Amino acid sequence: MLGFVLPWILAVIAIPLEMFIEASQHAFAKMYTVFITLLCHLANMIAYLIEGFFNILVHVFDIYIIIPVQIANLISGKQVSAS
């Protein structure tokens, strides 16, 4: 009797288990794709913020340089020509 029941039980359990593993592989692949896409969007957003910060930093540095130069030009009486 065990010779008939054991293969039947294995067949009844193995087929749904195989289908479950195959379906979970697709689900994990989809979740991995969504995770990688989210990570790429996050990296892009961080890079955009860093780029904006450095653009602001360039303007602040320009102001830091221009104001003392303008004050020195006012004191020495030089005219600054706009080109």
C-alpha atoms as a PDB file:
ATOM      1  CA  MET A   1       0.000   0.000   0.000  1.00  0.00           C
ATOM      2  CA  LEU A   2       2.863   2.349   0.760  1.00  0.00           C
ATOM      3  CA  GLY A   3       4.139   1.763  -2.775  1.00  0.00           C
ATOM      4  CA  PHE A   4       0.930   3.320  -4.143  1.00  0.00           C
ATOM      5  CA  VAL A   5       0.275   6.021  -1.547  1.00  0.00           C
ATOM      6  CA  LEU A   6       3.770   7.505  -1.315  1.00  0.00           C
ATOM      7  CA  PRO A   7       4.183   8.377  -5.033  1.00  0.00           C
ATOM      8  CA  TRP A   8       0.618   9.691  -5.114  1.00  0.00           C
ATOM      9  CA  ILE A   9       1.233  11.966  -2.106  1.00  0.00           C
ATOM     10  CA  LEU A  10       4.518  13.193  -3.587  1.00  0.00           C
ATOM     11  CA  ALA A  11       2.801  13.944  -6.904  1.00  0.00           C
ATOM     12  CA  VAL A  12      -0.060  15.776  -5.191  1.00  0.00           C
ATOM     13  CA  ILE A  13       2.346  17.877  -3.122  1.00  0.00           C
ATOM     14  CA  ALA A  14       5.159  18.328  -5.660  1.00  0.00           C
ATOM     15  CA  ILE A  15       3.117  19.850  -8.496  1.00  0.00           C
ATOM     16  CA  PRO A  16       1.563  22.669  -6.418  1.00  0.00           C
ATOM     17  CA  LEU A  17       4.928  23.241  -4.710  1.00  0.00           C
ATOM     18  CA  GLU A  18       6.646  23.528  -8.086  1.00  0.00           C
ATOM     19  CA  MET A  19       3.999  25.971  -9.325  1.00  0.00           C
ATOM     20  CA  PHE A  20       4.317  28.007  -6.127  1.00  0.00           C
ATOM     21  CA  ILE A  21       8.110  28.226  -6.484  1.00  0.00           C
ATOM     22  CA  GLU A  22       7.817  29.231 -10.152  1.00  0.00           C
ATOM     23  CA  ALA A  23       5.206  31.906  -9.360  1.00  0.00           C
ATOM     24  CA  SER A  24       7.268  33.236  -6.461  1.00  0.00           C
ATOM     25  CA  GLN A  25      10.295  33.574  -8.749  1.00  0.00           C
ATOM     26  CA  HIS A  26       8.271  35.880 -11.008  1.00  0.00           C
ATOM     27  CA  ALA A  27       6.990  37.842  -8.028  1.00  0.00           C
ATOM     28  CA  PHE A  28      10.489  38.269  -6.571  1.00  0.00           C
ATOM     29  CA  ALA A  29      11.832  39.331  -9.966  1.00  0.00           C
ATOM     30  CA  LYS A  30       9.097  41.971 -10.237  1.00  0.00           C
ATOM     31  CA  MET A  31       9.775  43.201  -6.682  1.00  0.00           C
ATOM     32  CA  TYR A  32      13.519  43.347  -7.432  1.00  0.00           C
ATOM     33  CA  THR A  33      12.832  45.383 -10.578  1.00  0.00           C
ATOM     34  CA  VAL A  34      10.633  47.818  -8.664  1.00  0.00           C
ATOM     35  CA  PHE A  35      13.275  48.126  -5.927  1.00  0.00           C
ATOM     36  CA  ILE A  36      16.078  48.839  -8.419  1.00  0.00           C
ATOM     37  CA  THR A  37      13.888  51.388 -10.245  1.00  0.00           C
ATOM     38  CA  LEU A  38      13.066  53.101  -6.949  1.00  0.00           C
ATOM     39  CA  LEU A  39      16.755  53.140  -6.031  1.00  0.00           C
ATOM     40  CA  CYS A  40      17.645  54.712  -9.399  1.00  0.00           C
ATOM     41  CA  HIS A  41      14.974  57.404  -9.002  1.00  0.00           C
ATOM     42  CA  LEU A  42      16.236  58.140  -5.498  1.00  0.00           C
ATOM     43  CA  ALA A  43      19.837  58.434  -6.727  1.00  0.00           C
ATOM     44  CA  ASN A  44      18.674  60.727  -9.537  1.00  0.00           C
ATOM     45  CA  MET A  45      16.807  62.946  -7.065  1.00  0.00           C
ATOM     46  CA  ILE A  46      19.833  63.154  -4.757  1.00  0.00           C
ATOM     47  CA  ALA A  47      22.075  64.044  -7.711  1.00  0.00           C
ATOM     48  CA  TYR A  48      19.621  66.755  -8.775  1.00  0.00           C
ATOM     49  CA  LEU A  49      19.633  68.242  -5.264  1.00  0.00           C
ATOM     50  CA  ILE A  50      23.432  68.155  -5.082  1.00  0.00           C
ATOM     51  CA  GLU A  51      23.674  69.840  -8.491  1.00  0.00           C
ATOM     52  CA  GLY A  52      21.311  72.605  -7.337  1.00  0.00           C
ATOM     53  CA  PHE A  53      23.291  73.044  -4.131  1.00  0.00           C
ATOM     54  CA  PHE A  54      26.542  73.483  -6.043  1.00  0.00           C
ATOM     55  CA  ASN A  55      24.909  75.946  -8.453  1.00  0.00           C
ATOM     56  CA  ILE A  56      23.819  78.016  -5.451  1.00  0.00           C
ATOM     57  CA  LEU A  57      27.307  77.663  -3.974  1.00  0.00           C
ATOM     58  CA  VAL A  58      28.844  79.056  -7.185  1.00  0.00           C
ATOM     59  CA  HIS A  59      26.567  82.103  -7.002  1.00  0.00           C
ATOM     60  CA  VAL A  60      27.368  82.632  -3.317  1.00  0.00           C
ATOM     61  CA  PHE A  61      31.079  82.428  -4.085  1.00  0.00           C
ATOM     62  CA  ASP A  62      30.621  84.960  -6.921  1.00  0.00           C
ATOM     63  CA  ILE A  63      28.923  87.334  -4.502  1.00  0.00           C
ATOM     64  CA  TYR A  64      31.706  86.735  -1.974  1.00  0.00           C
ATOM     65  CA  ILE A  65      34.298  87.763  -4.581  1.00  0.00           C
ATOM     66  CA  ILE A  66      32.405  90.592  -6.351  1.00  0.00           C
ATOM     67  CA  ILE A  67      31.428  92.646  -3.281  1.00  0.00           C
ATOM     68  CA  PRO A  68      35.013  93.239  -2.009  1.00  0.00           C
ATOM     69  CA  VAL A  69      36.182  93.960  -5.574  1.00  0.00           C
ATOM     70  CA  GLN A  70      33.406  96.534  -6.036  1.00  0.00           C
ATOM     71  CA  ILE A  71      34.236  98.141  -2.704  1.00  0.00           C
ATOM     72  CA  ALA A  72      37.906  98.318  -3.700  1.00  0.00           C
ATOM     73  CA  ASN A  73      36.933  99.882  -7.037  1.00  0.00           C
ATOM     74  CA  LEU A  74      34.785 102.489  -5.253  1.00  0.00           C
ATOM     75  CA  ILE A  75      37.637 103.384  -2.904  1.00  0.00           C
ATOM     76  CA  SER A  76      40.235 103.625  -5.670  1.00  0.00           C
ATOM     77  CA  GLY A  77      37.832 105.468  -8.001  1.00  0.00           C
ATOM     78  CA  LYS A  78      38.089 103.080 -10.951  1.00  0.00           C
ATOM     79  CA  GLN A  79      35.212 102.734 -13.398  1.00  0.00           C
ATOM     80  CA  VAL A  80      34.010  99.230 -14.163  1.00  0.00           C
ATOM     81  CA  SER A  81      33.011  98.767 -17.794  1.00  0.00           C
ATOM     82  CA  ALA A  82      30.198  96.349 -18.592  1.00  0.00           C
ATOM     83  CA  SER A  83      31.149  94.042 -21.441  1.00  0.00           C
END
